[in-house]
N, C-alpha and C. Protein backbone atom coordinates (compact mmCIF):
# COMPACT_ATOMS: atom_id res chain seq x y z
N MET A 1 -83.28 48.62 68.37
CA MET A 1 -83.38 47.64 67.34
C MET A 1 -82.42 46.71 67.44
N THR A 2 -82.43 45.43 67.36
CA THR A 2 -81.31 44.53 67.46
C THR A 2 -80.45 44.75 66.13
N GLN A 3 -79.08 44.75 66.53
CA GLN A 3 -78.30 45.06 65.41
C GLN A 3 -77.95 43.59 64.62
N PRO A 4 -77.74 43.67 63.43
CA PRO A 4 -77.66 42.17 62.71
C PRO A 4 -76.41 41.65 63.05
N VAL A 5 -76.36 40.35 63.19
CA VAL A 5 -75.24 39.59 63.10
C VAL A 5 -74.10 39.96 62.42
N GLY A 6 -73.04 39.98 62.56
CA GLY A 6 -71.79 40.52 61.87
C GLY A 6 -71.72 42.10 61.74
N HIS A 7 -72.45 42.74 62.34
CA HIS A 7 -72.35 43.99 62.66
C HIS A 7 -70.92 44.47 63.04
N PRO A 8 -70.20 45.59 62.56
CA PRO A 8 -68.81 45.84 62.96
C PRO A 8 -68.64 45.99 64.51
N ASN A 9 -69.67 46.43 65.06
CA ASN A 9 -69.55 47.06 66.60
C ASN A 9 -70.17 46.07 67.56
N ARG A 10 -70.49 44.89 67.01
CA ARG A 10 -71.35 44.11 67.86
C ARG A 10 -70.80 42.59 67.61
N LYS A 11 -70.38 42.04 68.91
CA LYS A 11 -70.22 40.50 68.88
C LYS A 11 -71.57 39.80 69.07
N MET A 12 -71.35 38.35 68.44
CA MET A 12 -72.31 37.60 68.50
C MET A 12 -72.64 37.05 70.05
N ARG A 13 -73.81 37.19 70.40
CA ARG A 13 -73.82 36.69 71.97
C ARG A 13 -74.30 35.47 72.14
N ALA A 14 -73.78 34.58 72.94
CA ALA A 14 -74.03 33.20 73.27
C ALA A 14 -74.59 32.86 74.65
N LEU A 15 -75.19 31.96 74.85
CA LEU A 15 -75.78 31.36 76.05
C LEU A 15 -75.37 29.83 75.94
N ILE A 16 -74.84 29.17 77.23
CA ILE A 16 -74.47 27.86 77.19
C ILE A 16 -75.43 27.43 78.27
N ALA A 17 -76.09 26.24 78.18
CA ALA A 17 -76.90 25.51 79.17
C ALA A 17 -76.39 24.08 79.28
N ASP A 18 -75.90 23.48 80.32
CA ASP A 18 -75.78 22.17 80.26
C ASP A 18 -75.64 22.06 81.88
N ASP A 19 -76.20 20.75 82.17
CA ASP A 19 -76.10 20.50 83.70
C ASP A 19 -74.69 19.79 84.11
N VAL A 20 -73.82 19.56 83.20
CA VAL A 20 -72.52 18.95 83.63
C VAL A 20 -71.49 20.19 83.61
N GLN A 21 -71.02 20.49 84.77
CA GLN A 21 -70.07 21.58 84.86
C GLN A 21 -68.90 21.63 83.92
N GLU A 22 -68.39 20.41 83.84
CA GLU A 22 -67.12 20.25 82.98
C GLU A 22 -67.54 20.45 81.53
N THR A 23 -68.57 20.22 80.98
CA THR A 23 -69.08 20.49 79.70
C THR A 23 -69.52 22.04 79.71
N ARG A 24 -70.01 22.55 80.52
CA ARG A 24 -70.22 24.08 80.40
C ARG A 24 -68.71 25.06 80.28
N ARG A 25 -67.99 24.33 81.20
CA ARG A 25 -66.50 24.93 81.27
C ARG A 25 -65.68 24.73 79.80
N ASN A 26 -65.79 23.52 79.30
CA ASN A 26 -65.08 23.20 78.14
C ASN A 26 -65.64 23.92 76.77
N THR A 27 -67.14 24.04 76.91
CA THR A 27 -67.63 24.83 75.83
C THR A 27 -67.40 26.20 75.78
N ARG A 28 -67.27 26.71 76.89
CA ARG A 28 -66.97 28.00 77.31
C ARG A 28 -65.60 28.35 76.64
N LEU A 29 -64.57 27.40 77.10
CA LEU A 29 -63.21 27.63 76.39
C LEU A 29 -63.25 27.64 74.96
N MET A 30 -63.91 26.53 74.57
CA MET A 30 -63.90 26.49 72.89
C MET A 30 -64.50 27.88 72.32
N LEU A 31 -65.39 28.18 72.91
CA LEU A 31 -65.96 29.34 72.06
C LEU A 31 -65.19 30.65 72.34
N ALA A 32 -64.44 30.64 73.34
CA ALA A 32 -63.26 31.76 73.42
C ALA A 32 -62.56 31.88 72.44
N THR A 33 -62.40 30.92 71.51
CA THR A 33 -61.53 30.87 70.29
C THR A 33 -62.22 31.52 69.18
N ILE A 34 -63.41 31.99 69.27
CA ILE A 34 -64.18 32.62 68.06
C ILE A 34 -64.03 34.19 68.51
N ASP A 35 -63.36 35.09 67.75
CA ASP A 35 -62.97 36.38 67.98
C ASP A 35 -64.23 37.23 68.32
N ASP A 36 -65.40 37.04 67.45
CA ASP A 36 -66.28 38.02 67.27
C ASP A 36 -67.46 37.27 67.84
N LEU A 37 -67.35 36.35 68.91
CA LEU A 37 -68.49 35.83 69.85
C LEU A 37 -68.12 36.22 71.31
N GLU A 38 -69.28 36.38 72.21
CA GLU A 38 -68.96 36.48 73.67
C GLU A 38 -69.97 35.65 74.35
N VAL A 39 -69.77 35.08 75.25
CA VAL A 39 -70.50 34.05 76.21
C VAL A 39 -71.21 35.09 77.16
N VAL A 40 -72.44 35.36 77.20
CA VAL A 40 -73.18 36.33 78.00
C VAL A 40 -73.85 35.74 79.19
N ALA A 41 -74.07 34.41 79.21
CA ALA A 41 -74.81 33.57 80.12
C ALA A 41 -74.61 32.22 80.10
N ILE A 42 -74.51 31.66 81.46
CA ILE A 42 -74.25 30.18 81.59
C ILE A 42 -75.37 29.64 82.40
N ALA A 43 -76.12 28.51 82.02
CA ALA A 43 -77.08 27.99 82.76
C ALA A 43 -76.84 26.34 83.22
N SER A 44 -77.32 26.06 84.06
CA SER A 44 -77.31 24.51 84.49
C SER A 44 -78.52 23.89 84.40
N ASN A 45 -79.51 24.22 83.87
CA ASN A 45 -80.66 23.55 83.32
C ASN A 45 -81.67 24.36 82.48
N GLY A 46 -82.56 23.81 81.89
CA GLY A 46 -83.39 24.56 80.79
C GLY A 46 -84.26 25.79 81.42
N VAL A 47 -84.73 25.45 82.70
CA VAL A 47 -85.60 26.81 83.10
C VAL A 47 -84.50 27.96 83.35
N GLN A 48 -83.34 27.67 83.96
CA GLN A 48 -82.41 28.98 84.07
C GLN A 48 -82.03 29.59 82.61
N ALA A 49 -81.92 28.74 81.60
CA ALA A 49 -81.67 29.06 80.28
C ALA A 49 -82.59 30.04 79.76
N VAL A 50 -83.95 29.69 80.19
CA VAL A 50 -84.96 30.60 79.59
C VAL A 50 -85.02 31.81 80.26
N GLN A 51 -84.74 31.77 81.51
CA GLN A 51 -84.89 33.10 82.29
C GLN A 51 -83.58 34.02 81.91
N LEU A 52 -82.52 33.27 81.75
CA LEU A 52 -81.40 33.91 81.31
C LEU A 52 -81.37 34.62 80.01
N ALA A 53 -82.20 33.91 78.84
CA ALA A 53 -82.36 34.46 77.74
C ALA A 53 -83.14 35.55 77.63
N LYS A 54 -84.06 35.57 78.51
CA LYS A 54 -84.82 36.94 78.83
C LYS A 54 -84.10 37.89 79.11
N GLU A 55 -83.03 37.90 79.95
CA GLU A 55 -82.28 38.69 80.58
C GLU A 55 -81.18 39.31 79.64
N HIS A 56 -80.59 38.39 78.86
CA HIS A 56 -79.28 38.71 78.36
C HIS A 56 -79.66 38.78 76.49
N HIS A 57 -80.68 38.28 76.03
CA HIS A 57 -80.97 38.28 74.89
C HIS A 57 -79.73 37.79 73.95
N PRO A 58 -79.45 36.45 74.00
CA PRO A 58 -78.50 35.95 73.21
C PRO A 58 -78.84 35.85 71.74
N ASP A 59 -77.92 35.81 70.78
CA ASP A 59 -78.15 35.47 69.40
C ASP A 59 -78.11 34.18 69.37
N ILE A 60 -77.56 33.36 69.97
CA ILE A 60 -77.30 31.75 69.75
C ILE A 60 -77.36 31.19 71.39
N VAL A 61 -78.10 30.04 71.25
CA VAL A 61 -77.97 29.38 72.37
C VAL A 61 -77.69 27.80 72.19
N LEU A 62 -76.70 27.28 73.16
CA LEU A 62 -75.99 25.89 73.14
C LEU A 62 -76.63 25.29 74.24
N LEU A 63 -77.58 24.28 73.81
CA LEU A 63 -78.35 23.64 74.93
C LEU A 63 -78.04 22.18 74.88
N ASP A 64 -77.86 21.69 76.17
CA ASP A 64 -77.83 20.21 76.21
C ASP A 64 -79.14 19.63 76.08
N ILE A 65 -79.32 18.60 75.40
CA ILE A 65 -80.64 17.98 75.36
C ILE A 65 -81.37 17.50 76.49
N ASN A 66 -80.59 16.87 77.36
CA ASN A 66 -81.06 16.41 78.57
C ASN A 66 -80.45 17.19 79.93
N MET A 67 -81.45 17.87 80.32
CA MET A 67 -81.18 18.71 81.55
C MET A 67 -82.45 18.61 82.50
N PRO A 68 -81.94 18.64 83.79
CA PRO A 68 -83.08 18.56 84.87
C PRO A 68 -84.15 19.77 84.78
N GLU A 69 -85.31 19.85 85.28
CA GLU A 69 -86.37 20.86 85.36
C GLU A 69 -86.92 20.97 83.98
N MET A 70 -86.02 21.35 82.74
CA MET A 70 -86.52 21.49 81.58
C MET A 70 -85.61 21.11 80.45
N ASP A 71 -85.93 20.08 79.67
CA ASP A 71 -84.91 19.73 78.66
C ASP A 71 -84.49 20.69 77.55
N GLY A 72 -83.54 20.43 76.75
CA GLY A 72 -83.03 21.44 75.86
C GLY A 72 -84.00 21.77 74.74
N LEU A 73 -84.96 20.97 74.15
CA LEU A 73 -85.85 21.38 73.08
C LEU A 73 -87.04 22.24 73.70
N THR A 74 -87.33 21.74 74.91
CA THR A 74 -88.62 22.65 75.46
C THR A 74 -87.92 24.00 75.81
N ALA A 75 -86.77 24.14 76.29
CA ALA A 75 -86.22 25.42 76.59
C ALA A 75 -86.05 26.19 75.51
N TYR A 76 -85.61 25.67 74.09
CA TYR A 76 -85.49 26.44 73.17
C TYR A 76 -86.92 26.80 72.55
N ARG A 77 -87.78 25.90 72.71
CA ARG A 77 -89.38 26.48 72.15
C ARG A 77 -89.65 27.68 73.05
N GLU A 78 -89.50 27.57 74.26
CA GLU A 78 -89.73 28.89 75.08
C GLU A 78 -89.00 30.09 74.77
N ILE A 79 -87.75 29.87 74.50
CA ILE A 79 -86.82 31.01 74.15
C ILE A 79 -87.15 31.75 72.75
N LEU A 80 -87.76 30.76 71.69
CA LEU A 80 -88.23 31.42 70.61
C LEU A 80 -89.40 32.23 70.86
N LYS A 81 -90.33 32.04 71.73
CA LYS A 81 -91.27 32.71 71.91
C LYS A 81 -90.94 34.12 72.41
N ILE A 82 -89.85 34.14 73.04
CA ILE A 82 -89.27 35.41 73.46
C ILE A 82 -88.64 36.36 72.30
N ARG A 83 -87.80 35.49 71.72
CA ARG A 83 -87.17 36.05 70.40
C ARG A 83 -86.92 35.03 69.33
N PRO A 84 -87.85 35.23 68.36
CA PRO A 84 -87.83 34.24 67.27
C PRO A 84 -86.71 34.10 66.26
N ASP A 85 -85.66 34.94 66.59
CA ASP A 85 -84.67 34.94 65.74
C ASP A 85 -83.28 34.47 66.44
N THR A 86 -83.73 33.62 67.43
CA THR A 86 -82.65 33.08 68.35
C THR A 86 -82.05 31.78 67.49
N GLY A 87 -80.69 31.71 67.39
CA GLY A 87 -80.35 30.53 66.67
C GLY A 87 -79.88 29.57 67.89
N CYS A 88 -79.73 28.13 67.57
CA CYS A 88 -79.53 27.25 68.52
C CYS A 88 -78.61 26.11 67.82
N VAL A 89 -78.01 25.47 68.82
CA VAL A 89 -77.05 24.30 68.82
C VAL A 89 -77.50 23.50 69.80
N ILE A 90 -77.96 22.18 69.44
CA ILE A 90 -78.57 21.30 70.31
C ILE A 90 -77.22 20.41 70.66
N ILE A 91 -76.78 20.04 71.91
CA ILE A 91 -75.71 19.40 72.40
C ILE A 91 -76.41 17.82 73.04
N SER A 92 -75.88 16.88 72.48
CA SER A 92 -76.40 15.60 73.07
C SER A 92 -75.23 14.49 73.15
N ALA A 93 -75.42 13.53 74.09
CA ALA A 93 -74.46 12.62 74.46
C ALA A 93 -74.57 11.43 73.41
N GLU A 94 -75.72 11.30 72.72
CA GLU A 94 -75.80 10.26 71.71
C GLU A 94 -76.62 10.82 70.38
N LYS A 95 -76.50 10.03 69.52
CA LYS A 95 -77.27 10.45 68.33
C LYS A 95 -78.44 9.79 68.10
N ASP A 96 -79.60 10.34 68.14
CA ASP A 96 -80.94 9.63 68.22
C ASP A 96 -81.86 10.21 67.14
N ALA A 97 -81.99 9.41 66.16
CA ALA A 97 -82.86 9.80 64.83
C ALA A 97 -84.04 10.68 65.06
N THR A 98 -85.02 10.21 66.00
CA THR A 98 -86.22 10.81 66.52
C THR A 98 -86.03 12.03 67.19
N THR A 99 -85.00 12.13 68.06
CA THR A 99 -84.72 13.38 68.63
C THR A 99 -84.04 14.45 67.67
N LEU A 100 -83.17 13.98 66.74
CA LEU A 100 -82.78 14.88 65.76
C LEU A 100 -84.01 15.41 64.99
N GLN A 101 -85.03 14.71 64.46
CA GLN A 101 -85.94 14.98 63.74
C GLN A 101 -86.92 16.17 64.34
N THR A 102 -87.10 15.84 65.83
CA THR A 102 -87.95 16.83 66.56
C THR A 102 -87.10 18.04 66.70
N ALA A 103 -85.95 17.93 66.90
CA ALA A 103 -84.90 19.03 66.84
C ALA A 103 -85.08 20.06 65.61
N MET A 104 -85.08 19.51 64.64
CA MET A 104 -85.08 20.25 63.21
C MET A 104 -86.38 20.66 63.13
N SER A 105 -87.51 19.93 63.42
CA SER A 105 -88.66 20.33 63.30
C SER A 105 -89.19 21.73 63.97
N ILE A 106 -88.35 21.97 65.12
CA ILE A 106 -88.66 23.47 65.86
C ILE A 106 -87.77 24.27 65.55
N GLY A 107 -86.80 23.96 64.63
CA GLY A 107 -86.14 25.15 64.10
C GLY A 107 -84.47 25.02 64.65
N VAL A 108 -84.21 23.94 65.17
CA VAL A 108 -82.82 23.91 65.63
C VAL A 108 -81.93 23.82 64.44
N GLN A 109 -80.75 24.60 64.51
CA GLN A 109 -80.02 24.65 63.33
C GLN A 109 -78.86 23.56 63.21
N GLU A 110 -78.31 23.44 64.51
CA GLU A 110 -77.07 22.32 64.40
C GLU A 110 -77.17 21.37 65.64
N TYR A 111 -76.65 20.34 65.40
CA TYR A 111 -76.84 19.13 66.54
C TYR A 111 -75.37 18.64 66.54
N LEU A 112 -74.71 18.73 67.91
CA LEU A 112 -73.62 18.24 68.02
C LEU A 112 -73.53 17.00 69.16
N ILE A 113 -72.82 16.20 68.94
CA ILE A 113 -72.70 14.94 69.60
C ILE A 113 -71.56 14.95 70.62
N LYS A 114 -71.67 14.67 71.77
CA LYS A 114 -70.39 14.92 72.75
C LYS A 114 -69.61 13.48 72.56
N PRO A 115 -68.13 13.75 72.70
CA PRO A 115 -67.50 14.86 72.88
C PRO A 115 -67.26 15.52 71.51
N PHE A 116 -67.32 16.76 71.17
CA PHE A 116 -67.12 17.50 69.85
C PHE A 116 -65.79 18.14 70.11
N THR A 117 -65.33 18.46 68.84
CA THR A 117 -64.05 19.31 68.68
C THR A 117 -64.17 20.84 68.70
N VAL A 118 -63.05 21.49 68.78
CA VAL A 118 -63.44 23.01 68.72
C VAL A 118 -63.70 23.01 67.13
N GLU A 119 -63.20 22.49 66.31
CA GLU A 119 -63.41 22.68 64.97
C GLU A 119 -64.96 22.37 64.49
N GLU A 120 -65.47 21.25 65.14
CA GLU A 120 -66.90 20.97 64.90
C GLU A 120 -67.69 22.18 65.39
N LEU A 121 -67.43 22.67 66.56
CA LEU A 121 -68.19 23.59 67.38
C LEU A 121 -68.20 25.03 66.55
N GLU A 122 -67.05 25.48 66.11
CA GLU A 122 -66.86 26.55 65.11
C GLU A 122 -67.59 26.44 63.96
N THR A 123 -67.56 25.32 63.43
CA THR A 123 -68.37 25.16 62.09
C THR A 123 -69.81 25.26 62.35
N ALA A 124 -70.42 24.68 63.56
CA ALA A 124 -71.56 24.64 63.80
C ALA A 124 -72.18 26.02 64.26
N VAL A 125 -71.27 27.09 64.81
CA VAL A 125 -71.73 28.37 65.16
C VAL A 125 -71.69 29.37 63.84
N ALA A 126 -70.67 28.93 63.00
CA ALA A 126 -70.63 29.65 61.73
C ALA A 126 -71.94 29.27 60.80
N ARG A 127 -72.59 28.11 60.74
CA ARG A 127 -73.76 27.85 60.18
C ARG A 127 -74.93 28.62 60.84
N VAL A 128 -74.88 28.54 62.08
CA VAL A 128 -76.21 29.18 62.78
C VAL A 128 -76.05 30.74 62.70
N ARG A 129 -74.91 31.08 62.48
CA ARG A 129 -74.69 32.56 62.27
C ARG A 129 -75.11 33.13 60.90
N GLU A 130 -75.10 32.15 60.00
CA GLU A 130 -75.63 32.47 58.64
C GLU A 130 -77.15 32.44 58.52
N ARG A 131 -77.69 31.50 59.20
CA ARG A 131 -79.29 31.11 59.31
C ARG A 131 -79.77 32.43 60.15
N ILE A 132 -79.28 32.81 61.20
CA ILE A 132 -79.68 33.91 62.06
C ILE A 132 -79.87 35.08 61.21
N GLY A 133 -78.78 35.36 60.45
CA GLY A 133 -78.79 36.69 59.46
C GLY A 133 -79.83 36.51 58.58
N GLN A 134 -80.18 35.39 57.78
CA GLN A 134 -81.27 35.23 56.98
C GLN A 134 -82.55 35.39 57.53
N THR A 135 -82.59 34.87 58.78
CA THR A 135 -83.94 34.68 59.68
C THR A 135 -84.41 36.16 59.98
N ARG A 136 -83.42 36.92 60.23
CA ARG A 136 -83.73 38.36 60.68
C ARG A 136 -84.08 39.43 59.38
N ILE A 137 -83.50 38.88 58.31
CA ILE A 137 -83.84 39.75 57.19
C ILE A 137 -85.48 39.22 56.66
N ASN A 138 -85.78 37.81 56.84
CA ASN A 138 -86.92 37.69 56.69
C ASN A 138 -88.05 38.12 57.70
N LEU A 139 -87.71 38.18 58.90
CA LEU A 139 -88.64 38.85 59.96
C LEU A 139 -88.70 40.27 59.76
N ALA A 140 -87.67 40.87 59.32
CA ALA A 140 -87.72 42.22 59.15
C ALA A 140 -88.76 42.49 57.75
N GLN A 141 -88.70 41.68 56.68
CA GLN A 141 -89.64 41.81 55.59
C GLN A 141 -90.88 41.69 55.95
N THR A 142 -91.15 40.65 56.67
CA THR A 142 -92.53 40.40 57.19
C THR A 142 -93.18 41.54 58.13
N ALA A 143 -92.22 42.07 58.97
CA ALA A 143 -92.60 43.10 59.73
C ALA A 143 -93.05 44.52 58.90
N GLN A 144 -92.43 44.87 57.69
CA GLN A 144 -92.53 45.77 56.80
C GLN A 144 -93.92 45.51 55.92
N LEU A 145 -94.09 44.37 55.73
CA LEU A 145 -95.39 43.73 55.02
C LEU A 145 -96.56 44.08 55.85
N GLN A 146 -96.43 43.67 57.26
CA GLN A 146 -97.45 43.87 58.23
C GLN A 146 -97.85 45.21 58.30
N LYS A 147 -96.76 45.99 58.40
CA LYS A 147 -96.83 47.46 58.59
C LYS A 147 -97.80 48.35 57.26
N GLN A 148 -97.50 47.64 56.11
CA GLN A 148 -97.87 48.28 55.13
C GLN A 148 -99.55 47.75 55.18
N ARG A 149 -99.72 46.34 55.43
CA ARG A 149 -100.95 46.03 55.31
C ARG A 149 -102.05 46.88 56.29
N GLU A 150 -101.34 47.02 57.61
CA GLU A 150 -101.93 47.70 58.80
C GLU A 150 -102.34 49.27 58.30
N ALA A 151 -101.47 49.80 57.47
CA ALA A 151 -101.73 51.27 57.20
C ALA A 151 -102.99 51.19 56.04
N TYR A 152 -102.86 50.14 55.24
CA TYR A 152 -103.98 50.20 54.09
C TYR A 152 -105.37 49.92 54.96
N LEU A 153 -105.33 48.96 55.92
CA LEU A 153 -106.64 48.61 56.61
C LEU A 153 -107.18 49.86 57.33
N VAL A 154 -106.25 50.63 57.97
CA VAL A 154 -106.60 51.78 58.60
C VAL A 154 -107.00 53.03 57.80
N GLN A 155 -106.69 52.93 56.45
CA GLN A 155 -106.95 54.01 55.28
C GLN A 155 -108.59 53.55 54.98
N LEU A 156 -108.77 52.14 54.74
CA LEU A 156 -110.06 51.94 54.60
C LEU A 156 -110.95 52.22 55.76
N ALA A 157 -110.48 51.72 56.99
CA ALA A 157 -111.45 52.10 58.20
C ALA A 157 -111.88 53.43 58.19
N VAL A 158 -110.99 54.40 57.90
CA VAL A 158 -111.39 55.62 57.98
C VAL A 158 -112.45 55.94 57.02
N GLU A 159 -112.31 55.58 55.95
CA GLU A 159 -113.30 55.76 54.71
C GLU A 159 -114.72 55.19 55.19
N TYR A 160 -114.72 53.92 55.74
CA TYR A 160 -115.93 53.29 56.01
C TYR A 160 -116.53 53.91 57.27
N ALA A 161 -115.66 54.39 58.05
CA ALA A 161 -116.27 54.90 59.42
C ALA A 161 -117.11 56.11 58.89
N LYS A 162 -116.39 56.95 57.98
CA LYS A 162 -117.02 58.39 57.55
C LYS A 162 -118.07 58.08 56.80
N SER A 163 -118.26 57.01 55.88
CA SER A 163 -119.44 56.77 55.13
C SER A 163 -120.63 55.96 55.94
N ARG A 164 -120.05 55.46 57.13
CA ARG A 164 -120.94 54.75 57.98
C ARG A 164 -121.45 53.30 57.44
N ARG A 165 -120.44 52.80 56.76
CA ARG A 165 -120.78 51.34 56.06
C ARG A 165 -120.79 50.35 57.15
N THR A 166 -121.92 49.45 56.80
CA THR A 166 -122.04 48.22 57.81
C THR A 166 -121.96 46.96 57.05
N ASP A 167 -121.73 46.93 55.69
CA ASP A 167 -121.86 45.78 54.87
C ASP A 167 -120.61 44.84 55.35
N ASP A 168 -120.53 43.53 54.58
CA ASP A 168 -119.65 42.57 54.99
C ASP A 168 -118.28 42.99 54.80
N LYS A 169 -117.96 43.86 53.83
CA LYS A 169 -116.50 44.25 53.62
C LYS A 169 -116.09 45.18 54.75
N ALA A 170 -116.88 46.10 55.35
CA ALA A 170 -116.62 46.81 56.43
C ALA A 170 -116.44 45.95 57.60
N ILE A 171 -117.13 44.94 57.92
CA ILE A 171 -116.99 44.04 58.98
C ILE A 171 -115.64 43.37 58.81
N ASP A 172 -115.26 42.96 57.57
CA ASP A 172 -113.98 42.24 57.41
C ASP A 172 -112.85 43.17 57.60
N VAL A 173 -112.66 44.49 57.31
CA VAL A 173 -111.91 45.24 57.65
C VAL A 173 -111.48 45.71 58.96
N PHE A 174 -112.69 45.88 59.84
CA PHE A 174 -112.54 46.10 61.20
C PHE A 174 -112.15 44.94 62.11
N GLU A 175 -112.64 43.87 61.57
CA GLU A 175 -112.26 42.68 62.25
C GLU A 175 -110.90 42.35 62.19
N GLN A 176 -110.34 42.67 61.02
CA GLN A 176 -108.68 42.38 60.88
C GLN A 176 -107.91 43.34 61.64
N LEU A 177 -108.44 44.59 61.78
CA LEU A 177 -107.87 45.52 62.66
C LEU A 177 -107.99 45.05 64.05
N ALA A 178 -108.97 44.46 64.52
CA ALA A 178 -109.36 43.96 65.97
C ALA A 178 -108.43 42.99 66.26
N GLU A 179 -107.90 42.26 65.27
CA GLU A 179 -106.86 41.27 65.57
C GLU A 179 -105.64 41.63 66.19
N ASN A 180 -105.35 42.82 65.84
CA ASN A 180 -104.02 43.45 66.45
C ASN A 180 -104.22 43.94 67.87
N PRO A 181 -103.48 43.28 68.84
CA PRO A 181 -103.76 43.78 70.43
C PRO A 181 -103.52 45.04 70.66
N LYS A 182 -102.91 45.87 69.75
CA LYS A 182 -102.82 47.48 69.97
C LYS A 182 -103.82 48.09 69.20
N CYS A 183 -104.86 47.42 68.55
CA CYS A 183 -105.81 48.25 67.78
C CYS A 183 -106.48 49.47 68.66
N GLU A 184 -106.72 50.59 67.66
CA GLU A 184 -107.21 51.55 68.54
C GLU A 184 -108.65 51.42 68.94
N MET A 185 -109.23 51.88 70.05
CA MET A 185 -110.49 51.64 70.47
C MET A 185 -111.33 52.25 69.45
N ARG A 186 -111.29 53.10 68.84
CA ARG A 186 -112.24 53.66 67.85
C ARG A 186 -112.58 52.76 66.89
N TRP A 187 -111.53 51.83 66.47
CA TRP A 187 -111.98 50.86 65.38
C TRP A 187 -112.91 49.71 66.17
N LEU A 188 -112.64 49.54 67.24
CA LEU A 188 -113.21 48.38 68.07
C LEU A 188 -114.70 48.88 68.37
N GLN A 189 -114.81 50.06 68.59
CA GLN A 189 -116.29 50.67 68.82
C GLN A 189 -116.86 50.85 67.41
N ASN A 190 -116.10 51.13 66.34
CA ASN A 190 -116.89 51.05 65.06
C ASN A 190 -117.44 49.41 64.75
N LEU A 191 -116.63 48.73 64.91
CA LEU A 191 -116.98 47.23 64.68
C LEU A 191 -118.30 47.01 65.88
N ALA A 192 -118.16 47.27 66.99
CA ALA A 192 -119.37 46.91 67.94
C ALA A 192 -120.56 47.70 67.22
N MET A 193 -120.35 48.76 66.82
CA MET A 193 -121.85 49.57 66.28
C MET A 193 -122.37 48.84 65.11
N ILE A 194 -121.26 48.34 64.25
CA ILE A 194 -121.74 47.50 62.91
C ILE A 194 -122.54 46.24 63.55
N TYR A 195 -121.91 45.49 64.51
CA TYR A 195 -122.47 44.38 64.92
C TYR A 195 -123.74 44.58 65.49
N ILE A 196 -124.23 45.87 66.10
CA ILE A 196 -125.46 46.20 66.50
C ILE A 196 -126.46 46.11 65.51
N VAL A 197 -125.95 47.23 64.54
CA VAL A 197 -126.76 47.24 63.27
C VAL A 197 -127.06 45.96 62.73
N ARG A 198 -126.26 45.20 62.39
CA ARG A 198 -126.41 44.04 61.78
C ARG A 198 -126.89 42.72 62.55
N GLN A 199 -127.12 42.95 64.08
CA GLN A 199 -127.81 42.30 64.90
C GLN A 199 -126.92 40.95 65.02
N LYS A 200 -125.46 41.14 64.90
CA LYS A 200 -124.66 39.95 65.32
C LYS A 200 -124.30 39.76 66.74
N TRP A 201 -125.25 39.26 67.34
CA TRP A 201 -125.09 39.67 68.93
C TRP A 201 -123.90 38.60 69.47
N GLY A 202 -123.91 37.49 68.74
CA GLY A 202 -122.66 36.64 69.26
C GLY A 202 -121.54 37.04 69.05
N ARG A 203 -121.12 37.69 67.94
CA ARG A 203 -119.78 38.51 67.78
C ARG A 203 -119.60 39.49 68.71
N LEU A 204 -120.86 40.37 68.88
CA LEU A 204 -120.64 41.52 69.81
C LEU A 204 -120.21 41.18 71.11
N LYS A 205 -120.65 39.89 71.60
CA LYS A 205 -120.41 39.47 73.18
C LYS A 205 -118.98 39.24 73.16
N LEU A 206 -118.51 38.45 72.05
CA LEU A 206 -117.01 38.10 71.87
C LEU A 206 -116.09 39.40 71.75
N LEU A 207 -116.64 40.23 71.12
CA LEU A 207 -115.84 41.53 71.05
C LEU A 207 -115.73 42.35 72.47
N ALA A 208 -116.87 42.38 73.11
CA ALA A 208 -116.86 42.74 74.46
C ALA A 208 -115.98 42.24 75.39
N GLU A 209 -115.89 40.91 75.24
CA GLU A 209 -115.14 40.15 76.14
C GLU A 209 -113.69 40.41 75.98
N MET A 210 -113.19 40.43 74.65
CA MET A 210 -111.85 40.78 74.18
C MET A 210 -111.53 42.22 74.72
N ILE A 211 -112.56 43.12 74.50
CA ILE A 211 -112.02 44.44 74.94
C ILE A 211 -111.67 44.67 76.49
N GLU A 212 -112.72 43.87 77.20
CA GLU A 212 -112.77 44.00 78.51
C GLU A 212 -111.01 43.12 79.03
N LYS A 213 -110.81 42.00 78.26
CA LYS A 213 -109.43 41.56 78.58
C LYS A 213 -108.25 42.52 78.47
N ARG A 214 -108.43 43.22 77.27
CA ARG A 214 -107.28 44.19 76.85
C ARG A 214 -107.28 45.25 77.82
N SER A 215 -108.31 45.78 78.44
CA SER A 215 -108.48 46.77 79.35
C SER A 215 -107.94 46.62 80.82
N LYS A 216 -107.58 45.24 81.03
CA LYS A 216 -107.07 44.77 82.22
C LYS A 216 -105.51 45.13 82.49
């Protein structure tokens, strides 16, 4: 499990992505002034940034907005798919209101305009650190609620399977369980049997296709 940002035995991990070598070097030197942070990867374009994020699992990414192959905002969207708790500072040569709004809409926490000072960078990183901590708390709470919901659905499914219920409530419970990619095959089989009893052939076909995809 990922240790929380600020854990006494763990430094904050950072990834830098910029197509200008001087900016990459200067940003790294600036980040070196932050004691509890380490740069774990440096990329020269968005595609590299996404790949390195998969390999090094940074807590925060500092992305130039205009890069070849993939821009910073697109790269951050892809990184969030890998780890939704990753913080981000977008770096740009100019301040554009539309770009800023787009950045904020996808979850970017800070926006720095080149050239920026060490103090501005440190402040941005500190703010992102706080956001990351809160995001991870929220994700953990959501995961716990999901776990409790899943346990309740399984409890109902056991009762319904034992009593061979085929009503709408039973369908609802088994369909909710089926939404989980890791759903046990027995619940999918129960759902299939209910569809057959209720003659819901369209849903049965979709369920069969889903089971086939998951078995590959």
